Amino acid sequence: MIQVTSHTRILVAVEPVDFRNGIDGLARICKEVLKADPFVGWLFVFRGRRGTSIKVLAFDGQGFWLCQKRMSSGKFRYWPGNHSDVSKFLEAHELQVLLAGGDPAAARGAPAWRRISPAG
């Protein structure tokens, strides 16, 4: 099971990928293009070239999960990042909006709580 919490690191590939890639191909893209280790437990989000599908790759300590959502009609109109970026981090609530076909940049949520280091 994939758990998505406010502390889950979610990295989105800005450029579309060839969806003939399976787990191994997407893991290679994580390493070579996104410069991220696919075994760290983050969620890696990819968009197909036609914009009708999203794939999410995750490693849970035992193996990889590969999930796909394909729109019944229409496309994912919004995609995070600029063309000058290779990747972009999202918050969990932004991923939910993206998967629903919405604009994650317009999603508003409370900032994630982070422990402040004690002075010392």
C-alpha atoms as a PDB file:
ATOM      1  CA  MET A   1       0.000   0.000   0.000  1.00  0.00           C
ATOM      2  CA  ILE A   2       1.185   3.491  -0.807  1.00  0.00           C
ATOM      3  CA  GLN A   3       0.662   5.983   1.993  1.00  0.00           C
ATOM      4  CA  VAL A   4       0.636   9.644   1.137  1.00  0.00           C
ATOM      5  CA  THR A   5       1.009  11.927   4.140  1.00  0.00           C
ATOM      6  CA  SER A   6       1.983  15.556   4.515  1.00  0.00           C
ATOM      7  CA  HIS A   7       5.583  14.392   4.980  1.00  0.00           C
ATOM      8  CA  THR A   8       5.738  12.258   1.831  1.00  0.00           C
ATOM      9  CA  ARG A   9       8.251  13.617  -0.662  1.00  0.00           C
ATOM     10  CA  ILE A  10       6.632  13.853  -4.094  1.00  0.00           C
ATOM     11  CA  LEU A  11       8.796  14.628  -7.113  1.00  0.00           C
ATOM     12  CA  VAL A  12       7.129  15.390 -10.443  1.00  0.00           C
ATOM     13  CA  ALA A  13       8.941  15.068 -13.772  1.00  0.00           C
ATOM     14  CA  VAL A  14       8.139  18.278 -15.653  1.00  0.00           C
ATOM     15  CA  GLU A  15       8.696  16.887 -19.147  1.00  0.00           C
ATOM     16  CA  PRO A  16       6.448  14.086 -20.450  1.00  0.00           C
ATOM     17  CA  VAL A  17       7.881  10.564 -20.706  1.00  0.00           C
ATOM     18  CA  ASP A  18       7.322   7.618 -23.014  1.00  0.00           C
ATOM     19  CA  PHE A  19       4.676   5.507 -21.269  1.00  0.00           C
ATOM     20  CA  ARG A  20       5.988   2.339 -22.827  1.00  0.00           C
ATOM     21  CA  ASN A  21       8.440   2.583 -19.911  1.00  0.00           C
ATOM     22  CA  GLY A  22       7.602   0.306 -17.032  1.00  0.00           C
ATOM     23  CA  ILE A  23       9.167   0.192 -13.577  1.00  0.00           C
ATOM     24  CA  ASP A  24      12.760  -0.248 -14.764  1.00  0.00           C
ATOM     25  CA  GLY A  25      12.516   2.483 -17.397  1.00  0.00           C
ATOM     26  CA  LEU A  26      10.938   4.976 -14.992  1.00  0.00           C
ATOM     27  CA  ALA A  27      13.499   4.128 -12.286  1.00  0.00           C
ATOM     28  CA  ARG A  28      16.222   4.866 -14.840  1.00  0.00           C
ATOM     29  CA  ILE A  29      14.600   8.237 -15.595  1.00  0.00           C
ATOM     30  CA  CYS A  30      14.586   8.962 -11.847  1.00  0.00           C
ATOM     31  CA  LYS A  31      18.349   8.363 -11.697  1.00  0.00           C
ATOM     32  CA  GLU A  32      19.484   9.865 -14.991  1.00  0.00           C
ATOM     33  CA  VAL A  33      17.068  12.737 -15.625  1.00  0.00           C
ATOM     34  CA  LEU A  34      15.669  13.675 -12.223  1.00  0.00           C
ATOM     35  CA  LYS A  35      18.974  12.944 -10.427  1.00  0.00           C
ATOM     36  CA  ALA A  36      17.097  11.179  -7.626  1.00  0.00           C
ATOM     37  CA  ASP A  37      17.443   7.719  -6.104  1.00  0.00           C
ATOM     38  CA  PRO A  38      14.265   5.733  -6.892  1.00  0.00           C
ATOM     39  CA  PHE A  39      14.849   3.569  -3.774  1.00  0.00           C
ATOM     40  CA  VAL A  40      14.426   6.408  -1.226  1.00  0.00           C
ATOM     41  CA  GLY A  41      10.675   5.904  -0.802  1.00  0.00           C
ATOM     42  CA  TRP A  42       9.552   9.098  -2.520  1.00  0.00           C
ATOM     43  CA  LEU A  43       6.684   9.212  -4.983  1.00  0.00           C
ATOM     44  CA  PHE A  44       7.777   9.962  -8.537  1.00  0.00           C
ATOM     45  CA  VAL A  45       5.052  11.315 -10.803  1.00  0.00           C
ATOM     46  CA  PHE A  46       5.212  11.190 -14.613  1.00  0.00           C
ATOM     47  CA  ARG A  47       2.917  12.405 -17.384  1.00  0.00           C
ATOM     48  CA  GLY A  48       2.461  10.739 -20.755  1.00  0.00           C
ATOM     49  CA  ARG A  49       3.131  12.683 -23.946  1.00  0.00           C
ATOM     50  CA  ARG A  50      -0.567  12.966 -24.852  1.00  0.00           C
ATOM     51  CA  GLY A  51      -1.396  14.344 -21.391  1.00  0.00           C
ATOM     52  CA  THR A  52      -4.162  11.818 -20.781  1.00  0.00           C
ATOM     53  CA  SER A  53      -2.286   9.623 -18.267  1.00  0.00           C
ATOM     54  CA  ILE A  54      -0.195   9.911 -15.128  1.00  0.00           C
ATOM     55  CA  LYS A  55       2.051   7.221 -13.655  1.00  0.00           C
ATOM     56  CA  VAL A  56       3.303   7.174 -10.065  1.00  0.00           C
ATOM     57  CA  LEU A  57       6.371   5.125  -9.102  1.00  0.00           C
ATOM     58  CA  ALA A  58       7.152   4.315  -5.462  1.00  0.00           C
ATOM     59  CA  PHE A  59       9.496   1.956  -3.611  1.00  0.00           C
ATOM     60  CA  ASP A  60       8.173   0.588  -0.302  1.00  0.00           C
ATOM     61  CA  GLY A  61      11.254  -1.246   0.970  1.00  0.00           C
ATOM     62  CA  GLN A  62      10.309  -4.585  -0.600  1.00  0.00           C
ATOM     63  CA  GLY A  63       9.625  -3.603  -4.163  1.00  0.00           C
ATOM     64  CA  PHE A  64       8.222  -1.035  -6.522  1.00  0.00           C
ATOM     65  CA  TRP A  65       4.644   0.102  -6.942  1.00  0.00           C
ATOM     66  CA  LEU A  66       3.567   1.465 -10.303  1.00  0.00           C
ATOM     67  CA  CYS A  67       0.162   3.147 -10.470  1.00  0.00           C
ATOM     68  CA  GLN A  68      -1.465   4.712 -13.503  1.00  0.00           C
ATOM     69  CA  LYS A  69      -4.459   6.986 -13.958  1.00  0.00           C
ATOM     70  CA  ARG A  70      -5.873   7.538 -17.432  1.00  0.00           C
ATOM     71  CA  MET A  71      -8.548  10.146 -17.984  1.00  0.00           C
ATOM     72  CA  SER A  72     -11.759   8.745 -19.499  1.00  0.00           C
ATOM     73  CA  SER A  73     -12.110  11.923 -21.516  1.00  0.00           C
ATOM     74  CA  GLY A  74     -10.018  15.045 -21.775  1.00  0.00           C
ATOM     75  CA  LYS A  75      -6.490  15.660 -20.563  1.00  0.00           C
ATOM     76  CA  PHE A  76      -4.629  16.751 -17.472  1.00  0.00           C
ATOM     77  CA  ARG A  77      -4.724  20.474 -18.287  1.00  0.00           C
ATOM     78  CA  TYR A  78      -2.334  21.624 -15.579  1.00  0.00           C
ATOM     79  CA  TRP A  79       1.175  20.348 -14.963  1.00  0.00           C
ATOM     80  CA  PRO A  80       3.619  21.636 -12.347  1.00  0.00           C
ATOM     81  CA  GLY A  81       6.892  23.329 -13.203  1.00  0.00           C
ATOM     82  CA  ASN A  82       8.373  25.379 -15.996  1.00  0.00           C
ATOM     83  CA  HIS A  83       9.976  24.009 -19.142  1.00  0.00           C
ATOM     84  CA  SER A  84      13.333  25.182 -17.744  1.00  0.00           C
ATOM     85  CA  ASP A  85      12.844  22.839 -14.749  1.00  0.00           C
ATOM     86  CA  VAL A  86      13.533  19.112 -14.830  1.00  0.00           C
ATOM     87  CA  SER A  87      11.451  18.348 -11.756  1.00  0.00           C
ATOM     88  CA  LYS A  88       9.285  19.957  -9.111  1.00  0.00           C
ATOM     89  CA  PHE A  89       8.357  18.927  -5.585  1.00  0.00           C
ATOM     90  CA  LEU A  90       4.675  18.833  -4.622  1.00  0.00           C
ATOM     91  CA  GLU A  91       2.888  18.676  -1.300  1.00  0.00           C
ATOM     92  CA  ALA A  92       0.425  15.815  -0.686  1.00  0.00           C
ATOM     93  CA  HIS A  93      -2.666  18.023  -1.109  1.00  0.00           C
ATOM     94  CA  GLU A  94      -1.271  19.344  -4.419  1.00  0.00           C
ATOM     95  CA  LEU A  95      -0.897  15.771  -5.684  1.00  0.00           C
ATOM     96  CA  GLN A  96      -4.551  15.085  -4.844  1.00  0.00           C
ATOM     97  CA  VAL A  97      -5.611  18.126  -6.873  1.00  0.00           C
ATOM     98  CA  LEU A  98      -3.352  17.121  -9.782  1.00  0.00           C
ATOM     99  CA  LEU A  99      -4.784  13.578  -9.842  1.00  0.00           C
ATOM    100  CA  ALA A 100      -8.293  15.044  -9.931  1.00  0.00           C
ATOM    101  CA  GLY A 101      -7.351  17.028 -13.043  1.00  0.00           C
ATOM    102  CA  GLY A 102      -7.002  20.352 -11.232  1.00  0.00           C
ATOM    103  CA  ASP A 103      -4.290  22.967 -10.941  1.00  0.00           C
ATOM    104  CA  PRO A 104      -1.944  22.126  -8.052  1.00  0.00           C
ATOM    105  CA  ALA A 105      -0.534  25.675  -8.088  1.00  0.00           C
ATOM    106  CA  ALA A 106      -3.992  26.960  -7.108  1.00  0.00           C
ATOM    107  CA  ALA A 107      -4.346  24.485  -4.209  1.00  0.00           C
ATOM    108  CA  ARG A 108      -4.093  26.155  -0.838  1.00  0.00           C
ATOM    109  CA  GLY A 109      -3.272  24.250   2.310  1.00  0.00           C
ATOM    110  CA  ALA A 110      -1.684  24.850   5.655  1.00  0.00           C
ATOM    111  CA  PRO A 111       2.104  24.717   5.507  1.00  0.00           C
ATOM    112  CA  ALA A 112       3.637  21.426   6.646  1.00  0.00           C
ATOM    113  CA  TRP A 113       4.778  21.546  10.247  1.00  0.00           C
ATOM    114  CA  ARG A 114       8.533  21.240  10.705  1.00  0.00           C
ATOM    115  CA  ARG A 115      10.345  20.859  14.030  1.00  0.00           C
ATOM    116  CA  ILE A 116      12.514  23.843  14.904  1.00  0.00           C
ATOM    117  CA  SER A 117      16.021  22.856  15.977  1.00  0.00           C
ATOM    118  CA  PRO A 118      16.779  23.771  19.590  1.00  0.00           C
ATOM    119  CA  ALA A 119      19.429  26.490  19.896  1.00  0.00           C
ATOM    120  CA  GLY A 120      22.488  25.192  21.386  1.00  0.00           C
END
